[in-house]
Amino acid sequence: MTDTVEPLIADMLSWIVKEERSYAEVMDAWRTSCPRLPVWEEANARGFVARRVKDGRAVIGLTEDGRRFLARD
C-alpha cells in the first residue's frame, strides 16, 4: 500500500499548498471509501495536514511534517 499511497499523498499535499482549500473542497476531492487508497486518511494520520477555522469556515493546511514530506520529493 505504501508504494501506491506515497505519490498520491504528495499530489494531495502539493494541491493543498498551492492555495487555501476549504475542508469541504478537500473532502470532495480526496476522501475515499476505498480501503486500498486512503490518501486523506493516511495524510491525516501521519500529521501532514491540519484543520483550522478562518473567517468562520474550516480550512485545511499543511503542518511542518507535511511540508517536510513534500520537500523530500
C-alpha atoms as a PDB file:
ATOM      1  CA  MET A   1       0.000   0.000   0.000  1.00  0.00           C
ATOM      2  CA  THR A   2       2.735   2.477   0.917  1.00  0.00           C
ATOM      3  CA  ASP A   3       4.225   2.424  -2.586  1.00  0.00           C
ATOM      4  CA  THR A   4       0.835   3.285  -4.053  1.00  0.00           C
ATOM      5  CA  VAL A   5      -0.226   5.858  -1.472  1.00  0.00           C
ATOM      6  CA  GLU A   6       3.042   7.816  -1.123  1.00  0.00           C
ATOM      7  CA  PRO A   7       2.863   9.570  -4.530  1.00  0.00           C
ATOM      8  CA  LEU A   8      -0.843  10.261  -4.036  1.00  0.00           C
ATOM      9  CA  ILE A   9      -0.164  11.863  -0.655  1.00  0.00           C
ATOM     10  CA  ALA A  10       2.487  14.037  -2.321  1.00  0.00           C
ATOM     11  CA  ASP A  11      -0.038  15.011  -5.015  1.00  0.00           C
ATOM     12  CA  MET A  12      -2.640  15.933  -2.420  1.00  0.00           C
ATOM     13  CA  LEU A  13      -0.198  17.981  -0.348  1.00  0.00           C
ATOM     14  CA  SER A  14       1.024  19.787  -3.493  1.00  0.00           C
ATOM     15  CA  TRP A  15      -2.573  20.593  -4.368  1.00  0.00           C
ATOM     16  CA  ILE A  16      -3.353  21.901  -0.875  1.00  0.00           C
ATOM     17  CA  VAL A  17      -0.236  24.059  -0.630  1.00  0.00           C
ATOM     18  CA  LYS A  18      -0.986  25.898  -3.904  1.00  0.00           C
ATOM     19  CA  GLU A  19      -3.902  27.815  -2.384  1.00  0.00           C
ATOM     20  CA  GLU A  20      -6.110  27.786   0.661  1.00  0.00           C
ATOM     21  CA  ARG A  21      -8.576  24.918   0.453  1.00  0.00           C
ATOM     22  CA  SER A  22     -11.780  24.535   2.400  1.00  0.00           C
ATOM     23  CA  TYR A  23     -12.334  21.354   4.349  1.00  0.00           C
ATOM     24  CA  ALA A  24     -15.348  20.570   2.158  1.00  0.00           C
ATOM     25  CA  GLU A  25     -13.283  21.031  -1.015  1.00  0.00           C
ATOM     26  CA  VAL A  26     -10.543  18.715   0.259  1.00  0.00           C
ATOM     27  CA  MET A  27     -13.068  16.078   1.333  1.00  0.00           C
ATOM     28  CA  ASP A  28     -14.821  16.259  -2.013  1.00  0.00           C
ATOM     29  CA  ALA A  29     -11.566  15.801  -3.908  1.00  0.00           C
ATOM     30  CA  TRP A  30      -9.582  13.406  -1.733  1.00  0.00           C
ATOM     31  CA  ARG A  31     -11.708  11.416   0.675  1.00  0.00           C
ATOM     32  CA  THR A  32     -12.353   7.874  -0.463  1.00  0.00           C
ATOM     33  CA  SER A  33     -14.099   4.808   0.836  1.00  0.00           C
ATOM     34  CA  CYS A  34     -11.559   2.597  -0.908  1.00  0.00           C
ATOM     35  CA  PRO A  35      -9.506   0.829   1.777  1.00  0.00           C
ATOM     36  CA  ARG A  36      -6.599   0.434  -0.657  1.00  0.00           C
ATOM     37  CA  LEU A  37      -6.184   4.174  -1.339  1.00  0.00           C
ATOM     38  CA  PRO A  38      -6.747   6.039   1.926  1.00  0.00           C
ATOM     39  CA  VAL A  39      -4.950   9.214   0.800  1.00  0.00           C
ATOM     40  CA  TRP A  40      -6.687  11.753   3.061  1.00  0.00           C
ATOM     41  CA  GLU A  41      -6.870   9.328   5.952  1.00  0.00           C
ATOM     42  CA  GLU A  42      -3.179   8.427   5.718  1.00  0.00           C
ATOM     43  CA  ALA A  43      -2.009  12.045   5.407  1.00  0.00           C
ATOM     44  CA  ASN A  44      -4.171  12.984   8.377  1.00  0.00           C
ATOM     45  CA  ALA A  45      -2.921  10.033  10.460  1.00  0.00           C
ATOM     46  CA  ARG A  46       0.688  10.987   9.724  1.00  0.00           C
ATOM     47  CA  GLY A  47       0.024  14.547  10.874  1.00  0.00           C
ATOM     48  CA  PHE A  48       0.689  16.109   7.463  1.00  0.00           C
ATOM     49  CA  VAL A  49      -2.489  18.216   7.404  1.00  0.00           C
ATOM     50  CA  ALA A  50      -4.342  20.327   9.924  1.00  0.00           C
ATOM     51  CA  ARG A  51      -7.836  21.761  10.024  1.00  0.00           C
ATOM     52  CA  ARG A  52      -8.417  25.264  11.355  1.00  0.00           C
ATOM     53  CA  VAL A  53     -11.176  27.832  11.280  1.00  0.00           C
ATOM     54  CA  LYS A  54     -10.601  31.029   9.311  1.00  0.00           C
ATOM     55  CA  ASP A  55     -13.295  33.649   8.891  1.00  0.00           C
ATOM     56  CA  GLY A  56     -15.894  31.199  10.122  1.00  0.00           C
ATOM     57  CA  ARG A  57     -15.058  28.363   7.752  1.00  0.00           C
ATOM     58  CA  ALA A  58     -12.947  25.254   8.092  1.00  0.00           C
ATOM     59  CA  VAL A  59      -9.767  25.280   6.005  1.00  0.00           C
ATOM     60  CA  ILE A  60      -7.020  22.714   5.550  1.00  0.00           C
ATOM     61  CA  GLY A  61      -3.320  23.490   5.581  1.00  0.00           C
ATOM     62  CA  LEU A  62      -0.067  21.610   5.814  1.00  0.00           C
ATOM     63  CA  THR A  63       1.729  21.041   9.078  1.00  0.00           C
ATOM     64  CA  GLU A  64       5.507  21.282   9.349  1.00  0.00           C
ATOM     65  CA  ASP A  65       5.639  17.490   8.940  1.00  0.00           C
ATOM     66  CA  GLY A  66       3.557  17.804   5.783  1.00  0.00           C
ATOM     67  CA  ARG A  67       5.875  20.473   4.398  1.00  0.00           C
ATOM     68  CA  ARG A  68       8.920  18.304   5.162  1.00  0.00           C
ATOM     69  CA  PHE A  69       7.292  15.304   3.443  1.00  0.00           C
ATOM     70  CA  LEU A  70       6.541  17.436   0.390  1.00  0.00           C
ATOM     71  CA  ALA A  71      10.063  18.900   0.303  1.00  0.00           C
ATOM     72  CA  ARG A  72      11.653  15.462   0.208  1.00  0.00           C
ATOM     73  CA  ASP A  73      10.175  14.701  -3.229  1.00  0.00           C
END
